[in-house]
Amino acid sequence: MTQAPAAPKAARRRHDREIVALAVPAFGALIAEPLFLIVDTAIVGHLGTAQLAGLGIASALLVTAVSIFVFLAYATTAAVARRVGAGDLQAAIRQGMDGIWLALLLGAAVIAVVLPTAPALVELFGASDTAAPYATTYLRISALGIPAMLVVLAATGVLRGLQDTKTPLYVAIAGFVANGALNVGLVYGADLGIAGSAWGTVIAQYGMAAVYLVVVVRGARKHGASLRPDAAGIRACAQAGAPLLVRTLSLRAILMIATAVAARLGDADVAAHQIILSLWSLLAFALDAIAIAGQAIIGRYLGAGDAQGAREVCRRMVEWGIAVGVVLGGLVIVSRPLFLPVFTSDSVVHDTALPALLMVALSQPICGIVFVLDGVLMGAGDGPYLAWAMILTLAVFAPVALLVPVFGGGLTAVWGAMTLMMTVRMLTLWLRTRSGRWIVTGATR
């Protein structure tokens, strides 16, 4: 990190209050997606191992299709927060509306690609003959909810930039409850099987998107911001998000490679990988709650021209990330024999997952540093560096992971490669924050 004197106790307490006020509600909202997936995994897992393996492959593809556009949330948070720091709320919300229109356009394009290519995508992942039909069914139905998912991302970014993480928390809680009830009712009550799980998630996502739109539209009218699509504004949002798109594509490629390697190890391995990936996503989003607070706070400080405040809060958030990572790792070690039966009764899947989970637990402090620094640089609008750093990380990870089936080690070796990936990310992010080149003040970068 940038070398700077430690902040006085009063400043640290102020930063702590800011971080907690934004991070705690953000945590609840961030875990909505992995909790959706965990509910789906638990319900579908009791239908059979083939269904669970199919869900693992389809959900990896679906999450990839959505999360490559996560810049709709992250870039919007940073841009809106800068304008909030500069005192221009009308411009802040207008920036957010451009992001929402971009989300709708991208969502329609993704549906047009995924629906006809679903079987080929599933086959590309190496799904077995028993798992492939379930993966195709889940993917095609869930793809219909992608526009809603992208609107949720963009609108969440608007509210975070406005320093409001409580509203996304309330929407996430309602969406989670609705998703769980719909999944149980459609999978078991209506006897729709894995298709019912997909439909339940789609319906819940559109409900969440509708609520977000109501909130953002009210804010736009209050501050006199236009609701109409603006071609120049939408194009500017897309250009600002392009480096983050490259960064996210590289990250998703890493996760897809890991899933593809696990799929080639066998149904038990990919089923165990799906359970572990669901937990890893939950832990990642828990750590990312601090990063979300960082995006909003760093953007606001830089927008207001306070470079020293940005340095101090960056340092404090790293300390939070390490501490939370240690706690989460300990919880995984203690609880790993207890939660596996929630997802599956297959003893082979249990035995495959247990040693890999230990690897996940030991890597959590590293993950804490990575997610926090990632959030700091996003809040600063340092997208180009993040893109190049993630491309480098992919170049290191890919050959190591692809050699796992050759040299052995099974699923534990796959997650060892994932730990290597996070270590490389930590080093690249630490070097950047230490340099101070990310600190650029003003309403725009």
Protein backbone atom coordinates (compact mmCIF):
# COMPACT_ATOMS: atom_id res chain seq x y z
CA MET A 1 0.00 0.00 0.00
CA THR A 2 0.93 3.65 -0.28
CA GLN A 3 3.29 4.57 2.54
CA ALA A 4 1.50 6.97 4.89
CA PRO A 5 1.54 7.58 8.63
CA ALA A 6 -0.99 5.56 10.56
CA ALA A 7 -4.26 7.38 11.09
CA PRO A 8 -4.97 8.72 14.60
CA LYS A 9 -7.32 6.66 16.75
CA ALA A 10 -10.20 9.08 16.18
CA ALA A 11 -9.77 8.80 12.40
CA ARG A 12 -9.59 4.99 12.61
CA ARG A 13 -12.80 4.92 14.61
CA ARG A 14 -14.45 7.18 12.03
CA HIS A 15 -13.30 4.90 9.23
CA ASP A 16 -14.50 1.85 11.17
CA ARG A 17 -17.95 3.39 11.56
CA GLU A 18 -18.11 4.18 7.84
CA ILE A 19 -16.93 0.72 6.86
CA VAL A 20 -19.33 -1.07 9.19
CA ALA A 21 -22.29 1.14 8.24
CA LEU A 22 -21.83 0.26 4.56
CA ALA A 23 -20.30 -3.23 4.78
CA VAL A 24 -22.78 -4.92 7.11
CA PRO A 25 -25.86 -4.20 4.96
CA ALA A 26 -23.76 -4.83 1.82
CA PHE A 27 -22.90 -8.29 3.13
CA GLY A 28 -26.57 -9.22 3.29
CA ALA A 29 -27.16 -8.00 -0.25
CA LEU A 30 -23.98 -9.55 -1.67
CA ILE A 31 -24.76 -13.04 -0.43
CA ALA A 32 -28.14 -13.06 -2.16
CA GLU A 33 -26.76 -14.66 -5.33
CA PRO A 34 -24.66 -17.39 -3.65
CA LEU A 35 -27.55 -18.05 -1.25
CA PHE A 36 -29.85 -18.45 -4.26
CA LEU A 37 -27.37 -20.98 -5.62
CA ILE A 38 -26.96 -22.72 -2.26
CA VAL A 39 -30.74 -23.12 -1.99
CA ASP A 40 -30.85 -24.50 -5.54
CA THR A 41 -27.93 -26.82 -4.75
CA ALA A 42 -29.50 -28.16 -1.56
CA ILE A 43 -32.89 -28.77 -3.21
CA VAL A 44 -31.55 -30.22 -6.45
CA GLY A 45 -28.88 -32.26 -4.62
CA HIS A 46 -31.58 -34.46 -3.10
CA LEU A 47 -32.96 -35.23 -6.56
CA GLY A 48 -29.76 -37.17 -7.37
CA THR A 49 -26.04 -36.87 -8.14
CA ALA A 50 -26.61 -36.48 -11.90
CA GLN A 51 -29.00 -33.57 -11.30
CA LEU A 52 -26.51 -31.95 -8.91
CA ALA A 53 -23.70 -32.39 -11.43
CA GLY A 54 -25.91 -30.85 -14.12
CA LEU A 55 -26.70 -27.91 -11.87
CA GLY A 56 -22.99 -27.43 -11.19
CA ILE A 57 -22.18 -27.12 -14.88
CA ALA A 58 -25.23 -24.99 -15.77
CA SER A 59 -24.79 -22.63 -12.83
CA ALA A 60 -21.12 -22.09 -13.71
CA LEU A 61 -22.17 -21.09 -17.23
CA LEU A 62 -25.05 -18.93 -15.97
CA VAL A 63 -22.98 -17.13 -13.36
CA THR A 64 -20.36 -16.51 -16.02
CA ALA A 65 -22.95 -15.06 -18.40
CA VAL A 66 -24.13 -12.65 -15.71
CA SER A 67 -20.99 -11.83 -13.77
CA ILE A 68 -18.89 -10.84 -16.78
CA PHE A 69 -21.10 -7.75 -16.64
CA VAL A 70 -20.48 -7.12 -12.95
CA PHE A 71 -18.93 -3.82 -14.04
CA LEU A 72 -22.54 -2.60 -14.19
CA ALA A 73 -22.40 -2.57 -10.40
CA TYR A 74 -18.75 -1.83 -9.73
CA ALA A 75 -18.07 0.89 -12.29
CA THR A 76 -21.42 2.53 -11.51
CA THR A 77 -20.66 2.54 -7.78
CA ALA A 78 -17.34 4.30 -8.33
CA ALA A 79 -18.68 6.85 -10.85
CA VAL A 80 -21.76 7.70 -8.79
CA ALA A 81 -19.73 7.95 -5.55
CA ARG A 82 -17.27 10.39 -7.15
CA ARG A 83 -20.13 12.67 -8.17
CA VAL A 84 -21.65 12.38 -4.71
CA GLY A 85 -18.29 13.44 -3.24
CA ALA A 86 -18.25 16.39 -5.65
CA GLY A 87 -21.78 17.36 -4.52
CA ASP A 88 -23.65 16.75 -7.81
CA LEU A 89 -26.50 14.32 -7.02
CA GLN A 90 -28.36 14.94 -10.28
CA ALA A 91 -25.33 13.90 -12.34
CA ALA A 92 -24.78 10.93 -10.01
CA ILE A 93 -28.26 9.51 -10.62
CA ARG A 94 -28.13 10.28 -14.35
CA GLN A 95 -24.94 8.21 -14.47
CA GLY A 96 -26.82 5.38 -12.79
CA MET A 97 -29.73 5.52 -15.23
CA ASP A 98 -27.32 5.15 -18.14
CA GLY A 99 -26.02 2.00 -16.46
CA ILE A 100 -29.52 0.55 -16.10
CA TRP A 101 -30.32 1.11 -19.78
CA LEU A 102 -27.04 -0.54 -20.69
CA ALA A 103 -27.98 -3.50 -18.47
CA LEU A 104 -31.26 -4.03 -20.36
CA LEU A 105 -29.51 -3.97 -23.74
CA LEU A 106 -26.84 -6.41 -22.61
CA GLY A 107 -29.41 -8.73 -21.04
CA ALA A 108 -31.33 -9.06 -24.29
CA ALA A 109 -28.11 -9.81 -26.17
CA VAL A 110 -27.07 -12.53 -23.71
CA ILE A 111 -30.44 -14.31 -24.00
CA ALA A 112 -30.12 -14.29 -27.79
CA VAL A 113 -26.75 -16.05 -27.50
CA VAL A 114 -27.40 -18.52 -24.66
CA LEU A 115 -30.75 -20.03 -25.68
CA PRO A 116 -29.67 -21.58 -29.00
CA THR A 117 -26.18 -22.53 -27.84
CA ALA A 118 -27.04 -24.10 -24.46
CA PRO A 119 -26.45 -27.77 -25.49
CA ALA A 120 -23.11 -26.93 -27.10
CA LEU A 121 -22.00 -24.93 -24.05
CA VAL A 122 -22.85 -27.83 -21.74
CA GLU A 123 -20.99 -30.26 -23.97
CA LEU A 124 -17.97 -27.93 -24.02
CA PHE A 125 -17.80 -28.24 -20.24
CA GLY A 126 -17.40 -32.00 -20.54
CA ALA A 127 -20.72 -32.92 -18.91
CA SER A 128 -21.42 -36.65 -18.70
CA ASP A 129 -24.30 -38.18 -20.67
CA THR A 130 -26.34 -38.42 -17.47
CA ALA A 131 -25.74 -34.84 -16.33
CA ALA A 132 -25.96 -33.02 -19.70
CA PRO A 133 -29.80 -33.04 -20.11
CA TYR A 134 -30.29 -31.56 -16.64
CA ALA A 135 -27.62 -28.91 -17.26
CA THR A 136 -29.23 -27.88 -20.56
CA THR A 137 -32.70 -27.62 -19.04
CA TYR A 138 -31.53 -25.48 -16.12
CA LEU A 139 -29.40 -23.22 -18.31
CA ARG A 140 -32.09 -22.47 -20.90
CA ILE A 141 -34.75 -21.58 -18.35
CA SER A 142 -32.45 -19.54 -16.11
CA ALA A 143 -31.14 -17.56 -19.09
CA LEU A 144 -34.56 -15.88 -19.33
CA GLY A 145 -33.82 -14.14 -16.04
CA ILE A 146 -30.53 -12.59 -17.17
CA PRO A 147 -31.96 -9.12 -18.02
CA ALA A 148 -33.41 -8.89 -14.52
CA MET A 149 -30.11 -9.97 -12.99
CA LEU A 150 -28.22 -7.28 -14.90
CA VAL A 151 -30.72 -4.58 -13.92
CA VAL A 152 -30.25 -5.63 -10.29
CA LEU A 153 -26.47 -5.21 -10.71
CA ALA A 154 -26.73 -1.73 -12.22
CA ALA A 155 -29.35 -0.45 -9.79
CA THR A 156 -27.40 -1.82 -6.84
CA GLY A 157 -24.38 0.12 -8.07
CA VAL A 158 -26.43 3.33 -8.12
CA LEU A 159 -27.53 2.90 -4.52
CA ARG A 160 -24.08 1.92 -3.29
CA GLY A 161 -22.61 5.02 -4.95
CA LEU A 162 -25.23 7.06 -3.10
CA GLN A 163 -23.87 5.46 0.11
CA ASP A 164 -27.06 3.39 0.54
CA THR A 165 -26.43 -0.31 1.14
CA LYS A 166 -29.52 -0.85 3.30
CA THR A 167 -32.06 -0.84 0.46
CA PRO A 168 -30.19 -3.59 -1.44
CA LEU A 169 -30.18 -5.59 1.82
CA TYR A 170 -33.97 -5.41 2.14
CA VAL A 171 -34.47 -6.36 -1.50
CA ALA A 172 -32.01 -9.25 -1.15
CA ILE A 173 -33.82 -10.66 1.90
CA ALA A 174 -37.16 -10.54 0.12
CA GLY A 175 -35.65 -12.14 -2.99
CA PHE A 176 -34.01 -14.92 -1.00
CA VAL A 177 -37.23 -15.81 0.82
CA ALA A 178 -39.20 -15.76 -2.44
CA ASN A 179 -36.59 -17.87 -4.21
CA GLY A 180 -36.59 -20.53 -1.49
CA ALA A 181 -40.37 -20.77 -1.36
CA LEU A 182 -40.70 -20.89 -5.15
CA ASN A 183 -38.01 -23.56 -5.48
CA VAL A 184 -39.57 -25.87 -2.91
CA GLY A 185 -43.04 -25.36 -4.37
CA LEU A 186 -42.04 -25.85 -8.00
CA VAL A 187 -39.47 -28.66 -7.55
CA TYR A 188 -41.44 -30.81 -5.11
CA GLY A 189 -44.96 -29.38 -4.97
CA ALA A 190 -45.40 -29.07 -8.75
CA ASP A 191 -42.99 -31.98 -9.37
CA LEU A 192 -41.03 -29.99 -12.00
CA GLY A 193 -37.64 -31.27 -10.90
CA ILE A 194 -34.59 -29.21 -11.85
CA ALA A 195 -36.73 -27.07 -14.18
CA GLY A 196 -38.76 -25.91 -11.16
CA SER A 197 -35.59 -24.71 -9.45
CA ALA A 198 -34.66 -22.65 -12.51
CA TRP A 199 -38.14 -21.10 -12.83
CA GLY A 200 -38.20 -20.19 -9.14
CA THR A 201 -34.95 -18.26 -9.46
CA VAL A 202 -36.10 -16.45 -12.62
CA ILE A 203 -39.33 -15.27 -10.98
CA ALA A 204 -37.49 -14.07 -7.87
CA GLN A 205 -34.96 -12.13 -9.96
CA TYR A 206 -37.63 -10.23 -11.89
CA GLY A 207 -39.34 -9.33 -8.62
CA MET A 208 -36.09 -7.89 -7.27
CA ALA A 209 -35.46 -5.92 -10.48
CA ALA A 210 -38.92 -4.38 -10.31
CA VAL A 211 -38.36 -3.14 -6.75
CA TYR A 212 -34.97 -1.63 -7.64
CA LEU A 213 -36.44 0.21 -10.61
CA VAL A 214 -39.13 1.78 -8.44
CA VAL A 215 -36.50 3.03 -5.96
CA VAL A 216 -34.14 4.44 -8.60
CA VAL A 217 -36.91 6.10 -10.60
CA ARG A 218 -38.16 7.85 -7.45
CA GLY A 219 -34.64 9.14 -6.78
CA ALA A 220 -34.29 10.36 -10.36
CA ARG A 221 -37.53 12.32 -10.18
CA LYS A 222 -36.60 13.80 -6.81
CA HIS A 223 -33.29 15.20 -8.11
CA GLY A 224 -34.49 16.08 -11.60
CA ALA A 225 -32.48 13.43 -13.43
CA SER A 226 -33.76 12.29 -16.83
CA LEU A 227 -35.14 8.75 -17.17
CA ARG A 228 -34.76 8.58 -20.94
CA PRO A 229 -32.00 6.54 -22.55
CA ASP A 230 -29.08 8.68 -23.65
CA ALA A 231 -26.91 7.12 -26.35
CA ALA A 232 -23.81 9.10 -25.38
CA GLY A 233 -24.24 8.28 -21.70
CA ILE A 234 -24.81 4.57 -22.37
CA ARG A 235 -21.76 4.50 -24.63
CA ALA A 236 -19.66 6.24 -21.95
CA CYS A 237 -20.78 3.64 -19.37
CA ALA A 238 -19.79 0.84 -21.71
CA GLN A 239 -16.37 2.40 -22.36
CA ALA A 240 -15.73 2.94 -18.64
CA GLY A 241 -16.68 -0.65 -17.92
CA ALA A 242 -14.60 -2.22 -20.71
CA PRO A 243 -11.43 -2.75 -18.61
CA LEU A 244 -13.49 -4.27 -15.80
CA LEU A 245 -15.15 -6.51 -18.38
CA VAL A 246 -11.71 -7.79 -19.41
CA ARG A 247 -10.81 -8.28 -15.75
CA THR A 248 -14.02 -10.18 -15.06
CA LEU A 249 -13.77 -12.31 -18.21
CA SER A 250 -10.32 -13.40 -17.08
CA LEU A 251 -11.64 -14.26 -13.62
CA ARG A 252 -14.59 -16.17 -15.06
CA ALA A 253 -12.22 -18.05 -17.36
CA ILE A 254 -10.33 -19.16 -14.26
CA LEU A 255 -13.52 -20.42 -12.61
CA MET A 256 -14.69 -22.14 -15.80
CA ILE A 257 -11.35 -23.88 -16.19
CA ALA A 258 -11.58 -25.12 -12.61
CA THR A 259 -15.11 -26.47 -13.19
CA ALA A 260 -14.15 -28.04 -16.53
CA VAL A 261 -11.18 -29.82 -14.93
CA ALA A 262 -13.39 -31.05 -12.07
CA ALA A 263 -16.00 -32.30 -14.59
CA ARG A 264 -13.35 -34.40 -16.33
CA LEU A 265 -12.40 -36.01 -13.02
CA GLY A 266 -15.90 -37.54 -12.72
CA ASP A 267 -19.45 -36.86 -11.50
CA ALA A 268 -18.51 -37.16 -7.82
CA ASP A 269 -15.69 -34.64 -8.24
CA VAL A 270 -17.78 -32.07 -10.11
CA ALA A 271 -20.64 -32.52 -7.61
CA ALA A 272 -18.20 -31.91 -4.73
CA HIS A 273 -16.71 -29.00 -6.66
CA GLN A 274 -20.18 -27.48 -7.02
CA ILE A 275 -20.73 -27.62 -3.26
CA ILE A 276 -17.31 -26.12 -2.53
CA LEU A 277 -17.74 -23.44 -5.18
CA SER A 278 -21.07 -22.45 -3.65
CA LEU A 279 -19.39 -22.06 -0.26
CA TRP A 280 -16.38 -20.26 -1.77
CA SER A 281 -18.73 -17.79 -3.47
CA LEU A 282 -20.50 -17.16 -0.16
CA LEU A 283 -17.18 -16.52 1.61
CA ALA A 284 -15.98 -14.33 -1.27
CA PHE A 285 -19.07 -12.17 -1.12
CA ALA A 286 -18.72 -11.88 2.65
CA LEU A 287 -15.21 -10.49 2.17
CA ASP A 288 -16.38 -8.38 -0.76
CA ALA A 289 -18.75 -6.56 1.57
CA ILE A 290 -15.73 -4.66 2.88
CA ALA A 291 -14.63 -4.05 -0.70
CA ILE A 292 -18.06 -2.64 -1.57
CA ALA A 293 -17.76 -0.23 1.32
CA GLY A 294 -14.34 0.62 -0.05
CA GLN A 295 -15.68 1.35 -3.52
CA ALA A 296 -18.26 3.77 -2.17
CA ILE A 297 -15.98 5.43 0.39
CA ILE A 298 -12.88 5.64 -1.81
CA GLY A 299 -14.92 7.08 -4.69
CA ARG A 300 -16.45 9.68 -2.39
CA TYR A 301 -13.10 10.71 -0.87
CA LEU A 302 -11.45 11.03 -4.27
CA GLY A 303 -14.45 12.94 -5.66
CA ALA A 304 -14.13 15.37 -2.76
CA GLY A 305 -10.36 15.74 -3.38
CA ASP A 306 -9.30 14.04 -0.11
CA ALA A 307 -6.34 11.85 -1.13
CA GLN A 308 -5.10 11.39 2.44
CA GLY A 309 -8.50 10.15 3.58
CA ALA A 310 -8.51 7.66 0.73
CA ARG A 311 -5.09 6.33 1.80
CA GLU A 312 -6.14 5.98 5.42
CA VAL A 313 -9.38 4.15 4.70
CA CYS A 314 -7.56 1.83 2.29
CA ARG A 315 -5.10 0.85 5.03
CA ARG A 316 -7.90 0.27 7.52
CA MET A 317 -9.92 -1.88 5.13
CA VAL A 318 -6.94 -4.15 4.51
CA GLU A 319 -6.73 -4.74 8.27
CA TRP A 320 -10.43 -5.60 8.26
CA GLY A 321 -9.99 -7.96 5.32
CA ILE A 322 -7.22 -9.94 7.00
CA ALA A 323 -9.13 -10.25 10.27
CA VAL A 324 -12.37 -11.35 8.61
CA GLY A 325 -10.46 -13.83 6.44
CA VAL A 326 -8.92 -15.48 9.50
CA VAL A 327 -12.32 -15.81 11.16
CA LEU A 328 -13.96 -17.26 8.04
CA GLY A 329 -11.15 -19.76 7.55
CA GLY A 330 -11.54 -20.97 11.12
CA LEU A 331 -15.29 -21.37 10.68
CA VAL A 332 -14.81 -23.48 7.55
CA ILE A 333 -12.36 -25.80 9.33
CA VAL A 334 -14.70 -26.32 12.28
CA SER A 335 -17.93 -26.72 10.30
CA ARG A 336 -16.82 -28.62 7.18
CA PRO A 337 -17.97 -32.08 8.39
CA LEU A 338 -21.34 -30.66 9.39
CA PHE A 339 -22.73 -28.90 6.34
CA LEU A 340 -21.86 -31.41 3.61
CA PRO A 341 -24.86 -33.66 4.46
CA VAL A 342 -27.11 -30.65 3.82
CA PHE A 343 -26.21 -30.82 0.12
CA THR A 344 -25.88 -34.54 -0.57
CA SER A 345 -26.02 -37.95 1.13
CA ASP A 346 -23.44 -39.44 -1.26
CA SER A 347 -20.44 -40.57 0.87
CA VAL A 348 -18.09 -40.46 -2.15
CA VAL A 349 -18.90 -36.78 -2.68
CA HIS A 350 -18.28 -36.17 1.05
CA ASP A 351 -14.85 -37.82 0.98
CA THR A 352 -13.88 -35.92 -2.16
CA ALA A 353 -14.91 -32.54 -0.75
CA LEU A 354 -13.37 -32.68 2.75
CA PRO A 355 -9.64 -32.21 1.90
CA ALA A 356 -10.42 -29.58 -0.74
CA LEU A 357 -12.41 -27.62 1.85
CA LEU A 358 -9.32 -27.47 4.07
CA MET A 359 -7.47 -25.78 1.21
CA VAL A 360 -10.30 -23.24 0.92
CA ALA A 361 -10.13 -22.52 4.66
CA LEU A 362 -6.38 -21.87 4.70
CA SER A 363 -6.62 -19.41 1.80
CA GLN A 364 -9.21 -17.10 3.38
CA PRO A 365 -6.79 -14.48 4.84
CA ILE A 366 -5.25 -14.14 1.36
CA CYS A 367 -8.75 -13.76 -0.09
CA GLY A 368 -9.49 -11.03 2.46
CA ILE A 369 -6.58 -8.91 1.20
CA VAL A 370 -7.44 -9.58 -2.46
CA PHE A 371 -11.09 -8.58 -2.28
CA VAL A 372 -10.41 -5.43 -0.28
CA LEU A 373 -7.65 -4.15 -2.59
CA ASP A 374 -9.73 -5.07 -5.62
CA GLY A 375 -12.53 -2.90 -4.24
CA VAL A 376 -10.18 -0.01 -3.48
CA LEU A 377 -8.85 0.08 -7.03
CA MET A 378 -12.36 -0.22 -8.48
CA GLY A 379 -13.49 2.68 -6.30
CA ALA A 380 -10.59 4.69 -7.67
CA GLY A 381 -11.58 3.83 -11.25
CA ASP A 382 -8.29 2.01 -11.85
CA GLY A 383 -9.86 -0.47 -14.26
CA PRO A 384 -7.02 -0.76 -16.82
CA TYR A 385 -4.56 -1.98 -14.20
CA LEU A 386 -7.09 -4.49 -12.86
CA ALA A 387 -7.57 -5.84 -16.36
CA TRP A 388 -3.86 -6.42 -17.00
CA ALA A 389 -3.31 -7.89 -13.53
CA MET A 390 -6.08 -10.45 -14.02
CA ILE A 391 -4.79 -11.44 -17.46
CA LEU A 392 -1.42 -12.18 -15.82
CA THR A 393 -3.15 -14.21 -13.12
CA LEU A 394 -5.01 -16.26 -15.74
CA ALA A 395 -1.73 -16.94 -17.55
CA VAL A 396 -0.26 -18.38 -14.34
CA PHE A 397 -3.35 -20.37 -13.29
CA ALA A 398 -4.40 -22.03 -16.54
CA PRO A 399 -1.42 -24.33 -17.15
CA VAL A 400 -1.27 -25.37 -13.51
CA ALA A 401 -4.98 -26.31 -13.40
CA LEU A 402 -4.99 -28.07 -16.76
CA LEU A 403 -2.12 -30.31 -15.63
CA VAL A 404 -4.10 -31.63 -12.64
CA PRO A 405 -5.63 -34.59 -14.58
CA VAL A 406 -2.15 -35.45 -15.85
CA PHE A 407 -0.25 -35.41 -12.57
CA GLY A 408 -3.12 -36.33 -10.22
CA GLY A 409 -4.18 -34.84 -6.91
CA GLY A 410 -7.88 -34.78 -7.75
CA LEU A 411 -10.17 -32.02 -6.56
CA THR A 412 -7.76 -30.99 -3.79
CA ALA A 413 -5.16 -30.15 -6.45
CA VAL A 414 -7.75 -28.10 -8.35
CA TRP A 415 -8.34 -26.00 -5.24
CA GLY A 416 -4.60 -25.79 -4.65
CA ALA A 417 -4.39 -24.13 -8.06
CA MET A 418 -7.19 -21.77 -6.99
CA THR A 419 -5.14 -20.80 -3.91
CA LEU A 420 -2.16 -20.08 -6.17
CA MET A 421 -4.42 -17.88 -8.28
CA MET A 422 -5.48 -15.81 -5.26
CA THR A 423 -1.85 -15.43 -4.15
CA VAL A 424 -0.86 -14.01 -7.54
CA ARG A 425 -3.80 -11.60 -7.37
CA MET A 426 -2.75 -10.47 -3.90
CA LEU A 427 0.78 -9.65 -5.08
CA THR A 428 -0.33 -7.66 -8.14
CA LEU A 429 -2.90 -5.65 -6.17
CA TRP A 430 -0.50 -4.95 -3.31
CA LEU A 431 2.13 -3.61 -5.69
CA ARG A 432 -0.38 -1.21 -7.26
CA THR A 433 -1.78 0.17 -4.02
CA ARG A 434 1.74 0.60 -2.64
CA SER A 435 2.71 2.69 -5.68
CA GLY A 436 0.01 5.32 -5.09
CA ARG A 437 -0.71 5.65 -8.82
CA TRP A 438 -4.37 4.78 -8.24
CA ILE A 439 -4.99 8.07 -6.40
CA VAL A 440 -6.62 10.50 -8.85
CA THR A 441 -8.97 13.11 -7.35
CA GLY A 442 -11.98 14.91 -8.90
CA ALA A 443 -15.57 14.22 -9.99
CA THR A 444 -14.25 12.11 -12.88
CA ARG A 445 -11.03 10.16 -13.23
